[in-house]
PDB file of N, CA and C in Angstrom:
ATOM      1  N   UNK A   1     245.530 -23.933 213.643  1.00  0.00           N
ATOM      2  CA  UNK A   1     244.748 -23.139 213.840  1.00  0.00           C
ATOM      3  C   UNK A   1     243.387 -23.147 212.880  1.00  0.00           C
ATOM      4  N   UNK A   2     242.637 -23.233 213.937  1.00  0.00           N
ATOM      5  CA  UNK A   2     240.680 -23.272 212.727  1.00  0.00           C
ATOM      6  C   UNK A   2     240.441 -21.726 212.317  1.00  0.00           C
ATOM      7  N   UNK A   3     240.162 -21.087 211.718  1.00  0.00           N
ATOM      8  CA  UNK A   3     239.536 -20.268 210.688  1.00  0.00           C
ATOM      9  C   UNK A   3     238.073 -20.337 211.017  1.00  0.00           C
ATOM     10  N   UNK A   4     237.409 -19.260 211.545  1.00  0.00           N
ATOM     11  CA  UNK A   4     235.711 -18.919 211.265  1.00  0.00           C
ATOM     12  C   UNK A   4     235.876 -18.317 210.098  1.00  0.00           C
ATOM     13  N   UNK A   5     235.161 -18.521 209.106  1.00  0.00           N
ATOM     14  CA  UNK A   5     234.528 -18.007 208.331  1.00  0.00           C
ATOM     15  C   UNK A   5     233.718 -16.676 208.368  1.00  0.00           C
ATOM     16  N   UNK A   6     232.640 -16.919 209.178  1.00  0.00           N
ATOM     17  CA  UNK A   6     231.118 -15.754 209.155  1.00  0.00           C
ATOM     18  C   UNK A   6     232.415 -14.735 210.134  1.00  0.00           C
ATOM     19  N   UNK A   7     233.555 -14.573 210.525  1.00  0.00           N
ATOM     20  CA  UNK A   7     234.125 -13.865 211.576  1.00  0.00           C
ATOM     21  C   UNK A   7     234.757 -13.280 210.229  1.00  0.00           C
ATOM     22  N   UNK A   8     235.711 -13.776 209.429  1.00  0.00           N
ATOM     23  CA  UNK A   8     236.382 -12.830 208.197  1.00  0.00           C
ATOM     24  C   UNK A   8     235.476 -12.640 207.635  1.00  0.00           C
ATOM     25  N   UNK A   9     234.171 -12.887 206.978  1.00  0.00           N
ATOM     26  CA  UNK A   9     233.038 -11.887 206.297  1.00  0.00           C
ATOM     27  C   UNK A   9     233.164 -11.032 207.107  1.00  0.00           C
ATOM     28  N   UNK A  10     232.679 -10.579 208.814  1.00  0.00           N
ATOM     29  CA  UNK A  10     232.900  -9.488 209.272  1.00  0.00           C
ATOM     30  C   UNK A  10     233.726  -8.719 209.119  1.00  0.00           C
ATOM     31  N   UNK A  11     234.683  -8.917 209.127  1.00  0.00           N
ATOM     32  CA  UNK A  11     236.017  -8.217 208.856  1.00  0.00           C
ATOM     33  C   UNK A  11     236.082  -7.755 207.671  1.00  0.00           C
ATOM     34  N   UNK A  12     235.752  -8.956 206.777  1.00  0.00           N
ATOM     35  CA  UNK A  12     235.709  -7.787 205.234  1.00  0.00           C
ATOM     36  C   UNK A  12     234.386  -7.011 205.170  1.00  0.00           C
ATOM     37  N   UNK A  13     233.707  -7.460 205.517  1.00  0.00           N
ATOM     38  CA  UNK A  13     232.615  -5.641 205.625  1.00  0.00           C
ATOM     39  C   UNK A  13     233.192  -4.552 206.402  1.00  0.00           C
ATOM     40  N   UNK A  14     233.519  -4.584 207.553  1.00  0.00           N
ATOM     41  CA  UNK A  14     234.236  -3.658 208.170  1.00  0.00           C
ATOM     42  C   UNK A  14     235.149  -2.914 207.233  1.00  0.00           C
ATOM     43  N   UNK A  15     235.896  -3.553 206.523  1.00  0.00           N
ATOM     44  CA  UNK A  15     237.221  -2.758 205.908  1.00  0.00           C
ATOM     45  C   UNK A  15     236.651  -2.028 204.965  1.00  0.00           C
ATOM     46  N   UNK A  16     235.290  -2.727 204.088  1.00  0.00           N
ATOM     47  CA  UNK A  16     234.929  -2.712 203.171  1.00  0.00           C
ATOM     48  C   UNK A  16     234.125  -0.856 203.617  1.00  0.00           C
ATOM     49  N   UNK A  17     233.721  -1.277 204.390  1.00  0.00           N
ATOM     50  CA  UNK A  17     232.951  -0.124 205.086  1.00  0.00           C
ATOM     51  C   UNK A  17     234.218   0.951 205.775  1.00  0.00           C
ATOM     52  N   UNK A  18     235.231   1.079 206.186  1.00  0.00           N
ATOM     53  CA  UNK A  18     236.497   1.926 206.077  1.00  0.00           C
ATOM     54  C   UNK A  18     236.908   2.564 205.216  1.00  0.00           C
ATOM     55  N   UNK A  19     236.962   1.789 204.103  1.00  0.00           N
ATOM     56  CA  UNK A  19     237.363   2.365 202.740  1.00  0.00           C
ATOM     57  C   UNK A  19     236.634   3.101 202.300  1.00  0.00           C
ATOM     58  N   UNK A  20     235.344   3.122 202.230  1.00  0.00           N
ATOM     59  CA  UNK A  20     234.121   3.944 201.800  1.00  0.00           C
ATOM     60  C   UNK A  20     234.168   5.296 202.638  1.00  0.00           C
ATOM     61  N   UNK A  21     234.460   5.352 204.011  1.00  0.00           N
ATOM     62  CA  UNK A  21     234.694   6.173 204.717  1.00  0.00           C
ATOM     63  C   UNK A  21     235.812   7.130 204.324  1.00  0.00           C
ATOM     64  N   UNK A  22     236.669   6.602 204.407  1.00  0.00           N
ATOM     65  CA  UNK A  22     237.952   6.522 204.530  1.00  0.00           C
ATOM     66  C   UNK A  22     238.096   8.124 203.102  1.00  0.00           C
ATOM     67  N   UNK A  23     237.277   7.345 202.043  1.00  0.00           N
ATOM     68  CA  UNK A  23     237.105   8.416 200.917  1.00  0.00           C
ATOM     69  C   UNK A  23     236.044   9.596 200.886  1.00  0.00           C
ATOM     70  N   UNK A  24     235.676   9.842 202.298  1.00  0.00           N
ATOM     71  CA  UNK A  24     234.971  11.071 202.612  1.00  0.00           C
ATOM     72  C   UNK A  24     233.301  10.519 202.213  1.00  0.00           C
ATOM     73  N   UNK A  25     233.353   9.740 201.641  1.00  0.00           N
ATOM     74  CA  UNK A  25     231.625   9.195 201.077  1.00  0.00           C
ATOM     75  C   UNK A  25     230.793   8.120 201.800  1.00  0.00           C
ATOM     76  N   UNK A  26     229.469   8.637 201.922  1.00  0.00           N
ATOM     77  CA  UNK A  26     228.842   8.069 202.355  1.00  0.00           C
ATOM     78  C   UNK A  26     227.468   6.937 202.113  1.00  0.00           C
ATOM     79  N   UNK A  27     227.774   5.691 201.534  1.00  0.00           N
ATOM     80  CA  UNK A  27     227.295   4.532 201.056  1.00  0.00           C
ATOM     81  C   UNK A  27     226.198   3.989 201.928  1.00  0.00           C
ATOM     82  N   UNK A  28     225.610   2.804 201.029  1.00  0.00           N
ATOM     83  CA  UNK A  28     224.479   2.458 201.909  1.00  0.00           C
ATOM     84  C   UNK A  28     224.434   1.193 201.289  1.00  0.00           C
ATOM     85  N   UNK A  29     224.804   0.321 202.307  1.00  0.00           N
ATOM     86  CA  UNK A  29     224.920  -1.447 201.542  1.00  0.00           C
ATOM     87  C   UNK A  29     223.816  -2.082 201.549  1.00  0.00           C
ATOM     88  N   UNK A  30     223.682  -3.202 200.627  1.00  0.00           N
ATOM     89  CA  UNK A  30     222.575  -4.011 200.650  1.00  0.00           C
ATOM     90  C   UNK A  30     223.671  -5.503 200.954  1.00  0.00           C
ATOM     91  N   UNK A  31     223.196  -6.283 201.489  1.00  0.00           N
ATOM     92  CA  UNK A  31     223.809  -7.734 201.910  1.00  0.00           C
ATOM     93  C   UNK A  31     222.974  -8.661 201.892  1.00  0.00           C
ATOM     94  N   UNK A  32     222.888  -9.315 200.409  1.00  0.00           N
ATOM     95  CA  UNK A  32     222.339 -11.275 200.362  1.00  0.00           C
ATOM     96  C   UNK A  32     222.630 -12.238 201.255  1.00  0.00           C
ATOM     97  N   UNK A  33     222.152 -12.978 201.353  1.00  0.00           N
ATOM     98  CA  UNK A  33     222.644 -13.999 202.422  1.00  0.00           C
ATOM     99  C   UNK A  33     221.455 -14.771 202.900  1.00  0.00           C
ATOM    100  N   UNK A  34     221.973 -16.231 202.748  1.00  0.00           N
ATOM    101  CA  UNK A  34     221.171 -16.811 203.258  1.00  0.00           C
ATOM    102  C   UNK A  34     221.713 -18.692 204.431  1.00  0.00           C
ATOM    103  N   UNK A  35     222.792 -18.177 204.527  1.00  0.00           N
ATOM    104  CA  UNK A  35     223.625 -19.149 205.527  1.00  0.00           C
ATOM    105  C   UNK A  35     224.463 -18.540 206.416  1.00  0.00           C
ATOM    106  N   UNK A  36     224.498 -19.294 207.899  1.00  0.00           N
ATOM    107  CA  UNK A  36     224.859 -19.248 208.516  1.00  0.00           C
ATOM    108  C   UNK A  36     225.874 -18.404 208.839  1.00  0.00           C
ATOM    109  N   UNK A  37     226.919 -18.636 208.023  1.00  0.00           N
ATOM    110  CA  UNK A  37     227.747 -17.347 207.993  1.00  0.00           C
ATOM    111  C   UNK A  37     227.742 -15.990 207.503  1.00  0.00           C
ATOM    112  N   UNK A  38     226.603 -15.825 207.239  1.00  0.00           N
ATOM    113  CA  UNK A  38     226.428 -14.452 206.970  1.00  0.00           C
ATOM    114  C   UNK A  38     225.596 -13.932 207.916  1.00  0.00           C
ATOM    115  N   UNK A  39     225.330 -14.390 208.965  1.00  0.00           N
ATOM    116  CA  UNK A  39     224.676 -13.795 209.993  1.00  0.00           C
ATOM    117  C   UNK A  39     226.092 -12.623 210.978  1.00  0.00           C
ATOM    118  N   UNK A  40     227.218 -12.698 210.609  1.00  0.00           N
ATOM    119  CA  UNK A  40     228.111 -12.132 211.840  1.00  0.00           C
ATOM    120  C   UNK A  40     228.136 -11.090 210.708  1.00  0.00           C
ATOM    121  N   UNK A  41     228.353 -10.973 209.474  1.00  0.00           N
ATOM    122  CA  UNK A  41     228.856  -9.639 208.496  1.00  0.00           C
ATOM    123  C   UNK A  41     227.777  -8.882 208.113  1.00  0.00           C
ATOM    124  N   UNK A  42     225.680  -9.532 208.972  1.00  0.00           N
ATOM    125  CA  UNK A  42     225.035  -8.434 208.662  1.00  0.00           C
ATOM    126  C   UNK A  42     224.634  -7.954 210.172  1.00  0.00           C
ATOM    127  N   UNK A  43     225.699  -7.683 211.395  1.00  0.00           N
ATOM    128  CA  UNK A  43     225.702  -7.383 212.532  1.00  0.00           C
ATOM    129  C   UNK A  43     226.683  -6.502 212.051  1.00  0.00           C
ATOM    130  N   UNK A  44     227.495  -6.129 211.065  1.00  0.00           N
ATOM    131  CA  UNK A  44     228.232  -5.254 210.699  1.00  0.00           C
ATOM    132  C   UNK A  44     227.647  -3.849 210.048  1.00  0.00           C
ATOM    133  N   UNK A  45     226.337  -4.129 209.717  1.00  0.00           N
ATOM    134  CA  UNK A  45     225.647  -3.088 208.866  1.00  0.00           C
ATOM    135  C   UNK A  45     225.076  -2.073 209.368  1.00  0.00           C
ATOM    136  N   UNK A  46     225.081  -0.852 208.981  1.00  0.00           N
ATOM    137  CA  UNK A  46     224.522   0.107 209.966  1.00  0.00           C
ATOM    138  C   UNK A  46     223.442   0.581 209.626  1.00  0.00           C
ATOM    139  N   UNK A  47     222.908   1.684 210.485  1.00  0.00           N
ATOM    140  CA  UNK A  47     221.791   2.683 210.364  1.00  0.00           C
ATOM    141  C   UNK A  47     221.803   2.551 208.852  1.00  0.00           C
ATOM    142  N   UNK A  48     220.270   2.719 207.848  1.00  0.00           N
ATOM    143  CA  UNK A  48     220.557   2.894 206.021  1.00  0.00           C
ATOM    144  C   UNK A  48     220.919   1.878 205.451  1.00  0.00           C
ATOM    145  N   UNK A  49     221.865   0.920 205.916  1.00  0.00           N
ATOM    146  CA  UNK A  49     221.855  -0.146 205.301  1.00  0.00           C
ATOM    147  C   UNK A  49     220.903  -1.437 204.936  1.00  0.00           C
ATOM    148  N   UNK A  50     220.545  -2.292 204.366  1.00  0.00           N
ATOM    149  CA  UNK A  50     219.880  -3.583 203.966  1.00  0.00           C
ATOM    150  C   UNK A  50     220.353  -4.429 204.025  1.00  0.00           C
ATOM    151  N   UNK A  51     219.635  -5.917 205.146  1.00  0.00           N
ATOM    152  CA  UNK A  51     220.006  -6.679 205.135  1.00  0.00           C
ATOM    153  C   UNK A  51     218.845  -7.685 204.656  1.00  0.00           C
ATOM    154  N   UNK A  52     219.645  -8.664 203.002  1.00  0.00           N
ATOM    155  CA  UNK A  52     218.729  -9.642 202.641  1.00  0.00           C
ATOM    156  C   UNK A  52     218.170 -10.986 203.210  1.00  0.00           C
ATOM    157  N   UNK A  53     217.542 -11.283 204.250  1.00  0.00           N
ATOM    158  CA  UNK A  53     218.080 -13.082 204.238  1.00  0.00           C
ATOM    159  C   UNK A  53     217.390 -14.057 203.174  1.00  0.00           C
ATOM    160  N   UNK A  54     217.208 -14.961 203.358  1.00  0.00           N
ATOM    161  CA  UNK A  54     216.525 -15.902 202.483  1.00  0.00           C
ATOM    162  C   UNK A  54     215.722 -16.428 203.662  1.00  0.00           C
ATOM    163  N   UNK A  55     214.234 -16.693 203.410  1.00  0.00           N
ATOM    164  CA  UNK A  55     213.719 -16.741 204.633  1.00  0.00           C
ATOM    165  C   UNK A  55     212.960 -18.147 204.375  1.00  0.00           C
ATOM    166  N   UNK A  56     213.271 -18.821 206.141  1.00  0.00           N
ATOM    167  CA  UNK A  56     213.770 -20.198 206.262  1.00  0.00           C
ATOM    168  C   UNK A  56     214.649 -20.806 205.924  1.00  0.00           C
ATOM    169  N   UNK A  57     215.727 -20.263 206.037  1.00  0.00           N
ATOM    170  CA  UNK A  57     217.298 -20.543 206.055  1.00  0.00           C
ATOM    171  C   UNK A  57     217.965 -20.204 207.258  1.00  0.00           C
ATOM    172  N   UNK A  58     219.095 -20.640 207.431  1.00  0.00           N
ATOM    173  CA  UNK A  58     220.001 -20.581 208.833  1.00  0.00           C
ATOM    174  C   UNK A  58     219.899 -19.220 209.169  1.00  0.00           C
ATOM    175  N   UNK A  59     220.348 -18.111 208.217  1.00  0.00           N
ATOM    176  CA  UNK A  59     220.494 -17.137 208.575  1.00  0.00           C
ATOM    177  C   UNK A  59     219.135 -16.057 209.110  1.00  0.00           C
ATOM    178  N   UNK A  60     218.471 -16.771 208.781  1.00  0.00           N
ATOM    179  CA  UNK A  60     216.654 -15.839 208.653  1.00  0.00           C
ATOM    180  C   UNK A  60     216.444 -16.736 210.009  1.00  0.00           C
ATOM    181  N   UNK A  61     216.661 -17.493 210.414  1.00  0.00           N
ATOM    182  CA  UNK A  61     216.384 -18.280 211.852  1.00  0.00           C
ATOM    183  C   UNK A  61     216.998 -17.599 212.967  1.00  0.00           C
ATOM    184  N   UNK A  62     218.382 -17.429 212.595  1.00  0.00           N
ATOM    185  CA  UNK A  62     219.250 -16.300 213.464  1.00  0.00           C
ATOM    186  C   UNK A  62     218.679 -15.045 213.820  1.00  0.00           C
ATOM    187  N   UNK A  63     218.432 -14.096 212.476  1.00  0.00           N
ATOM    188  CA  UNK A  63     218.350 -12.739 212.831  1.00  0.00           C
ATOM    189  C   UNK A  63     216.609 -13.110 213.377  1.00  0.00           C
ATOM    190  N   UNK A  64     215.879 -14.069 213.201  1.00  0.00           N
ATOM    191  CA  UNK A  64     214.152 -14.145 213.880  1.00  0.00           C
ATOM    192  C   UNK A  64     214.899 -14.061 215.326  1.00  0.00           C
ATOM    193  N   UNK A  65     215.863 -14.651 215.671  1.00  0.00           N
ATOM    194  CA  UNK A  65     215.866 -14.910 217.127  1.00  0.00           C
ATOM    195  C   UNK A  65     215.337 -13.537 218.013  1.00  0.00           C
ATOM    196  N   UNK A  66     216.361 -13.206 217.200  1.00  0.00           N
ATOM    197  CA  UNK A  66     216.239 -11.512 218.355  1.00  0.00           C
ATOM    198  C   UNK A  66     217.002 -10.358 217.166  1.00  0.00           C
ATOM    199  N   UNK A  67     216.007  -9.988 216.724  1.00  0.00           N
ATOM    200  CA  UNK A  67     216.397  -8.764 215.300  1.00  0.00           C
ATOM    201  C   UNK A  67     216.323  -7.698 215.265  1.00  0.00           C
ATOM    202  N   UNK A  68     216.543  -7.342 216.742  1.00  0.00           N
ATOM    203  CA  UNK A  68     216.549  -5.960 217.406  1.00  0.00           C
ATOM    204  C   UNK A  68     218.392  -5.744 217.419  1.00  0.00           C
ATOM    205  N   UNK A  69     219.066  -7.079 216.960  1.00  0.00           N
ATOM    206  CA  UNK A  69     220.786  -6.449 217.408  1.00  0.00           C
ATOM    207  C   UNK A  69     220.834  -5.928 215.717  1.00  0.00           C
ATOM    208  N   UNK A  70     220.152  -6.401 214.846  1.00  0.00           N
ATOM    209  CA  UNK A  70     220.618  -5.517 213.602  1.00  0.00           C
ATOM    210  C   UNK A  70     220.455  -4.545 213.554  1.00  0.00           C
ATOM    211  N   UNK A  71     221.025  -3.143 212.772  1.00  0.00           N
ATOM    212  CA  UNK A  71     220.980  -2.001 213.051  1.00  0.00           C
ATOM    213  C   UNK A  71     220.424  -1.488 210.625  1.00  0.00           C
ATOM    214  N   UNK A  72     220.274  -2.469 210.374  1.00  0.00           N
ATOM    215  CA  UNK A  72     219.795  -2.483 208.949  1.00  0.00           C
ATOM    216  C   UNK A  72     218.590  -2.835 209.273  1.00  0.00           C
ATOM    217  N   UNK A  73     217.818  -2.351 208.046  1.00  0.00           N
ATOM    218  CA  UNK A  73     216.405  -2.470 207.977  1.00  0.00           C
ATOM    219  C   UNK A  73     216.631  -4.236 206.936  1.00  0.00           C
ATOM    220  N   UNK A  74     215.932  -5.210 207.396  1.00  0.00           N
ATOM    221  CA  UNK A  74     215.331  -6.561 207.108  1.00  0.00           C
ATOM    222  C   UNK A  74     214.750  -6.636 205.582  1.00  0.00           C
ATOM    223  N   UNK A  75     215.201  -6.959 204.550  1.00  0.00           N
ATOM    224  CA  UNK A  75     214.141  -6.883 203.493  1.00  0.00           C
ATOM    225  C   UNK A  75     214.514  -8.682 203.052  1.00  0.00           C
ATOM    226  N   UNK A  76     213.533  -9.651 203.409  1.00  0.00           N
ATOM    227  CA  UNK A  76     213.830 -10.663 202.681  1.00  0.00           C
ATOM    228  C   UNK A  76     212.808 -11.446 201.926  1.00  0.00           C
ATOM    229  N   UNK A  77     213.370 -12.464 201.394  1.00  0.00           N
ATOM    230  CA  UNK A  77     212.770 -12.876 199.934  1.00  0.00           C
ATOM    231  C   UNK A  77     212.792 -14.597 199.933  1.00  0.00           C
ATOM    232  N   UNK A  78     212.133 -15.113 199.345  1.00  0.00           N
ATOM    233  CA  UNK A  78     212.297 -17.132 199.333  1.00  0.00           C
ATOM    234  C   UNK A  78     212.631 -17.652 198.270  1.00  0.00           C
ATOM    235  N   UNK A  79     212.593 -16.863 196.746  1.00  0.00           N
ATOM    236  CA  UNK A  79     213.711 -17.689 195.830  1.00  0.00           C
ATOM    237  C   UNK A  79     214.489 -16.369 195.056  1.00  0.00           C
ATOM    238  N   UNK A  80     214.967 -16.968 193.475  1.00  0.00           N
ATOM    239  CA  UNK A  80     215.525 -16.373 192.894  1.00  0.00           C
ATOM    240  C   UNK A  80     214.653 -15.023 192.301  1.00  0.00           C
ATOM    241  N   UNK A  81     212.805 -15.179 192.017  1.00  0.00           N
ATOM    242  CA  UNK A  81     212.171 -14.408 191.425  1.00  0.00           C
ATOM    243  C   UNK A  81     212.013 -13.270 192.318  1.00  0.00           C
ATOM    244  N   UNK A  82     211.807 -13.437 193.575  1.00  0.00           N
ATOM    245  CA  UNK A  82     211.763 -12.924 194.925  1.00  0.00           C
ATOM    246  C   UNK A  82     212.523 -11.902 195.335  1.00  0.00           C
ATOM    247  N   UNK A  83     213.958 -12.223 195.114  1.00  0.00           N
ATOM    248  CA  UNK A  83     214.615 -11.874 195.337  1.00  0.00           C
ATOM    249  C   UNK A  83     214.955 -10.712 194.690  1.00  0.00           C
ATOM    250  N   UNK A  84     214.784 -10.869 193.124  1.00  0.00           N
ATOM    251  CA  UNK A  84     215.410  -9.631 191.735  1.00  0.00           C
ATOM    252  C   UNK A  84     214.605  -8.752 191.670  1.00  0.00           C
ATOM    253  N   UNK A  85     212.986  -9.409 192.425  1.00  0.00           N
ATOM    254  CA  UNK A  85     212.006  -8.009 192.181  1.00  0.00           C
ATOM    255  C   UNK A  85     212.428  -6.858 193.429  1.00  0.00           C
ATOM    256  N   UNK A  86     212.904  -7.276 195.038  1.00  0.00           N
ATOM    257  CA  UNK A  86     213.267  -7.049 196.143  1.00  0.00           C
ATOM    258  C   UNK A  86     214.359  -5.928 195.721  1.00  0.00           C
ATOM    259  N   UNK A  87     215.378  -7.022 195.399  1.00  0.00           N
ATOM    260  CA  UNK A  87     216.459  -5.859 194.953  1.00  0.00           C
ATOM    261  C   UNK A  87     216.121  -5.130 193.934  1.00  0.00           C
ATOM    262  N   UNK A  88     215.732  -4.953 193.136  1.00  0.00           N
ATOM    263  CA  UNK A  88     215.451  -4.282 191.847  1.00  0.00           C
ATOM    264  C   UNK A  88     214.687  -2.731 192.776  1.00  0.00           C
ATOM    265  N   UNK A  89     213.725  -3.393 193.148  1.00  0.00           N
ATOM    266  CA  UNK A  89     212.756  -2.456 194.208  1.00  0.00           C
ATOM    267  C   UNK A  89     213.633  -1.403 194.989  1.00  0.00           C
ATOM    268  N   UNK A  90     214.296  -1.943 195.801  1.00  0.00           N
ATOM    269  CA  UNK A  90     215.337  -1.656 196.728  1.00  0.00           C
ATOM    270  C   UNK A  90     215.971  -0.668 196.231  1.00  0.00           C
ATOM    271  N   UNK A  91     216.846  -0.940 195.220  1.00  0.00           N
ATOM    272  CA  UNK A  91     217.668  -0.186 194.823  1.00  0.00           C
ATOM    273  C   UNK A  91     217.351   1.048 193.851  1.00  0.00           C
ATOM    274  N   UNK A  92     216.133   0.740 193.286  1.00  0.00           N
ATOM    275  CA  UNK A  92     215.045   1.858 192.214  1.00  0.00           C
ATOM    276  C   UNK A  92     215.310   3.001 193.133  1.00  0.00           C
ATOM    277  N   UNK A  93     214.834   2.419 195.137  1.00  0.00           N
ATOM    278  CA  UNK A  93     214.369   3.542 195.999  1.00  0.00           C
ATOM    279  C   UNK A  93     215.549   3.796 196.469  1.00  0.00           C
ATOM    280  N   UNK A  94     216.601   3.319 196.987  1.00  0.00           N
ATOM    281  CA  UNK A  94     217.505   4.145 197.060  1.00  0.00           C
ATOM    282  C   UNK A  94     218.286   5.349 196.254  1.00  0.00           C
ATOM    283  N   UNK A  95     218.167   4.855 194.265  1.00  0.00           N
ATOM    284  CA  UNK A  95     218.450   5.909 193.704  1.00  0.00           C
ATOM    285  C   UNK A  95     217.682   7.086 193.653  1.00  0.00           C
ATOM    286  N   UNK A  96     216.257   6.427 193.595  1.00  0.00           N
ATOM    287  CA  UNK A  96     215.301   7.886 193.595  1.00  0.00           C
ATOM    288  C   UNK A  96     216.276   9.065 194.680  1.00  0.00           C
ATOM    289  N   UNK A  97     216.100   7.923 196.221  1.00  0.00           N
ATOM    290  CA  UNK A  97     216.474   9.269 197.364  1.00  0.00           C
ATOM    291  C   UNK A  97     218.206   9.684 196.911  1.00  0.00           C
ATOM    292  N   UNK A  98     218.518   9.587 196.840  1.00  0.00           N
ATOM    293  CA  UNK A  98     219.735  10.163 196.186  1.00  0.00           C
ATOM    294  C   UNK A  98     220.044  11.007 195.091  1.00  0.00           C
ATOM    295  N   UNK A  99     218.816  10.775 194.192  1.00  0.00           N
ATOM    296  CA  UNK A  99     218.783  11.472 193.059  1.00  0.00           C
ATOM    297  C   UNK A  99     217.884  13.153 193.875  1.00  0.00           C
ATOM    298  N   UNK A 100     216.432  12.571 194.357  1.00  0.00           N
ATOM    299  CA  UNK A 100     216.370  14.163 195.383  1.00  0.00           C
ATOM    300  C   UNK A 100     217.191  14.733 196.150  1.00  0.00           C
ATOM    301  N   UNK A 101     217.942  14.321 196.887  1.00  0.00           N
ATOM    302  CA  UNK A 101     219.130  14.870 197.601  1.00  0.00           C
ATOM    303  C   UNK A 101     220.093  15.068 196.917  1.00  0.00           C
ATOM    304  N   UNK A 102     220.379  14.956 195.107  1.00  0.00           N
ATOM    305  CA  UNK A 102     221.660  15.552 194.926  1.00  0.00           C
ATOM    306  C   UNK A 102     221.061  17.036 193.789  1.00  0.00           C
ATOM    307  N   UNK A 103     219.599  16.627 194.004  1.00  0.00           N
ATOM    308  CA  UNK A 103     218.751  17.646 193.006  1.00  0.00           C
ATOM    309  C   UNK A 103     219.029  16.929 191.470  1.00  0.00           C
ATOM    310  N   UNK A 104     219.681  15.821 191.191  1.00  0.00           N
ATOM    311  CA  UNK A 104     219.751  15.417 190.051  1.00  0.00           C
ATOM    312  C   UNK A 104     218.302  14.425 189.447  1.00  0.00           C
ATOM    313  N   UNK A 105     218.405  14.652 188.235  1.00  0.00           N
ATOM    314  CA  UNK A 105     217.013  13.509 187.525  1.00  0.00           C
ATOM    315  C   UNK A 105     217.049  12.820 186.804  1.00  0.00           C
ATOM    316  N   UNK A 106     217.336  11.310 186.926  1.00  0.00           N
ATOM    317  CA  UNK A 106     217.416  10.227 186.054  1.00  0.00           C
ATOM    318  C   UNK A 106     215.939   9.551 185.709  1.00  0.00           C
ATOM    319  N   UNK A 107     215.658   9.404 184.536  1.00  0.00           N
ATOM    320  CA  UNK A 107     214.730   8.951 184.311  1.00  0.00           C
ATOM    321  C   UNK A 107     214.440   7.502 185.130  1.00  0.00           C
ATOM    322  N   UNK A 108     213.203   7.265 185.042  1.00  0.00           N
ATOM    323  CA  UNK A 108     212.649   5.883 185.973  1.00  0.00           C
ATOM    324  C   UNK A 108     213.279   4.734 184.788  1.00  0.00           C
ATOM    325  N   UNK A 109     212.969   4.779 183.633  1.00  0.00           N
ATOM    326  CA  UNK A 109     213.005   3.805 182.386  1.00  0.00           C
ATOM    327  C   UNK A 109     214.932   3.246 182.416  1.00  0.00           C
ATOM    328  N   UNK A 110     215.224   4.431 182.443  1.00  0.00           N
ATOM    329  CA  UNK A 110     216.438   4.344 182.231  1.00  0.00           C
ATOM    330  C   UNK A 110     217.153   3.800 183.630  1.00  0.00           C
ATOM    331  N   UNK A 111     216.569   4.113 184.772  1.00  0.00           N
ATOM    332  CA  UNK A 111     217.340   3.281 185.976  1.00  0.00           C
ATOM    333  C   UNK A 111     217.251   1.969 186.322  1.00  0.00           C
ATOM    334  N   UNK A 112     215.887   1.827 185.824  1.00  0.00           N
ATOM    335  CA  UNK A 112     215.585   0.313 185.835  1.00  0.00           C
ATOM    336  C   UNK A 112     216.163  -0.824 185.150  1.00  0.00           C
ATOM    337  N   UNK A 113     216.488  -0.057 183.520  1.00  0.00           N
ATOM    338  CA  UNK A 113     216.893  -0.906 182.797  1.00  0.00           C
ATOM    339  C   UNK A 113     218.589  -1.111 183.045  1.00  0.00           C
ATOM    340  N   UNK A 114     218.929   0.343 183.627  1.00  0.00           N
ATOM    341  CA  UNK A 114     220.717   0.011 183.994  1.00  0.00           C
ATOM    342  C   UNK A 114     220.576  -1.021 185.258  1.00  0.00           C
ATOM    343  N   UNK A 115     219.569  -1.024 186.454  1.00  0.00           N
ATOM    344  CA  UNK A 115     219.817  -1.810 187.434  1.00  0.00           C
ATOM    345  C   UNK A 115     219.983  -2.937 187.085  1.00  0.00           C
ATOM    346  N   UNK A 116     218.512  -3.284 185.821  1.00  0.00           N
ATOM    347  CA  UNK A 116     218.207  -4.751 185.673  1.00  0.00           C
ATOM    348  C   UNK A 116     219.799  -4.989 184.858  1.00  0.00           C
ATOM    349  N   UNK A 117     220.431  -4.646 183.927  1.00  0.00           N
ATOM    350  CA  UNK A 117     221.347  -5.409 183.471  1.00  0.00           C
ATOM    351  C   UNK A 117     222.594  -5.526 183.822  1.00  0.00           C
ATOM    352  N   UNK A 118     223.064  -4.801 185.342  1.00  0.00           N
ATOM    353  CA  UNK A 118     223.491  -5.199 186.483  1.00  0.00           C
ATOM    354  C   UNK A 118     223.349  -6.425 187.261  1.00  0.00           C
ATOM    355  N   UNK A 119     222.049  -6.454 187.814  1.00  0.00           N
ATOM    356  CA  UNK A 119     221.404  -7.371 188.422  1.00  0.00           C
ATOM    357  C   UNK A 119     221.136  -8.557 188.278  1.00  0.00           C
ATOM    358  N   UNK A 120     221.706  -9.022 187.045  1.00  0.00           N
ATOM    359  CA  UNK A 120     220.722 -10.248 186.408  1.00  0.00           C
ATOM    360  C   UNK A 120     220.826 -11.591 187.403  1.00  0.00           C
ATOM    361  N   UNK A 121     220.111 -12.154 187.772  1.00  0.00           N
ATOM    362  CA  UNK A 121     219.872 -13.197 188.251  1.00  0.00           C
ATOM    363  C   UNK A 121     219.858 -14.596 187.863  1.00  0.00           C
ATOM    364  N   UNK A 122     220.820 -15.293 188.612  1.00  0.00           N
ATOM    365  CA  UNK A 122     220.513 -16.905 187.412  1.00  0.00           C
ATOM    366  C   UNK A 122     219.690 -17.801 188.004  1.00  0.00           C
ATOM    367  N   UNK A 123     219.049 -18.504 187.070  1.00  0.00           N
ATOM    368  CA  UNK A 123     217.411 -19.384 187.548  1.00  0.00           C
ATOM    369  C   UNK A 123     218.281 -20.464 188.269  1.00  0.00           C
TER     370      UNK A 123
END
């Protein structure tokens, strides 16, 4: 029996979404990918999520064929530096929106530092 890797990744995304939903939490997902196997999981993302395909790589080409199939917002990147910049910007934007909704306030310096510590991109 041949197992299709990309279908398994889609199933993993669905299980994570179901688990978070069962906890009664509304979470937004950011999926980063560049290969053909990242296309199926990207179709499982919902409105409010983000797909970050590497530009001019197989998943980018598949998405460009019919971008309306994706419900998630698309934020492309081309290299490690741009991936880091776009991802940090996206995380900080989401964090600021969550803070606004909850009425809490976290300083931007602390937020950026915390995110930067967690999101090191290898050269």
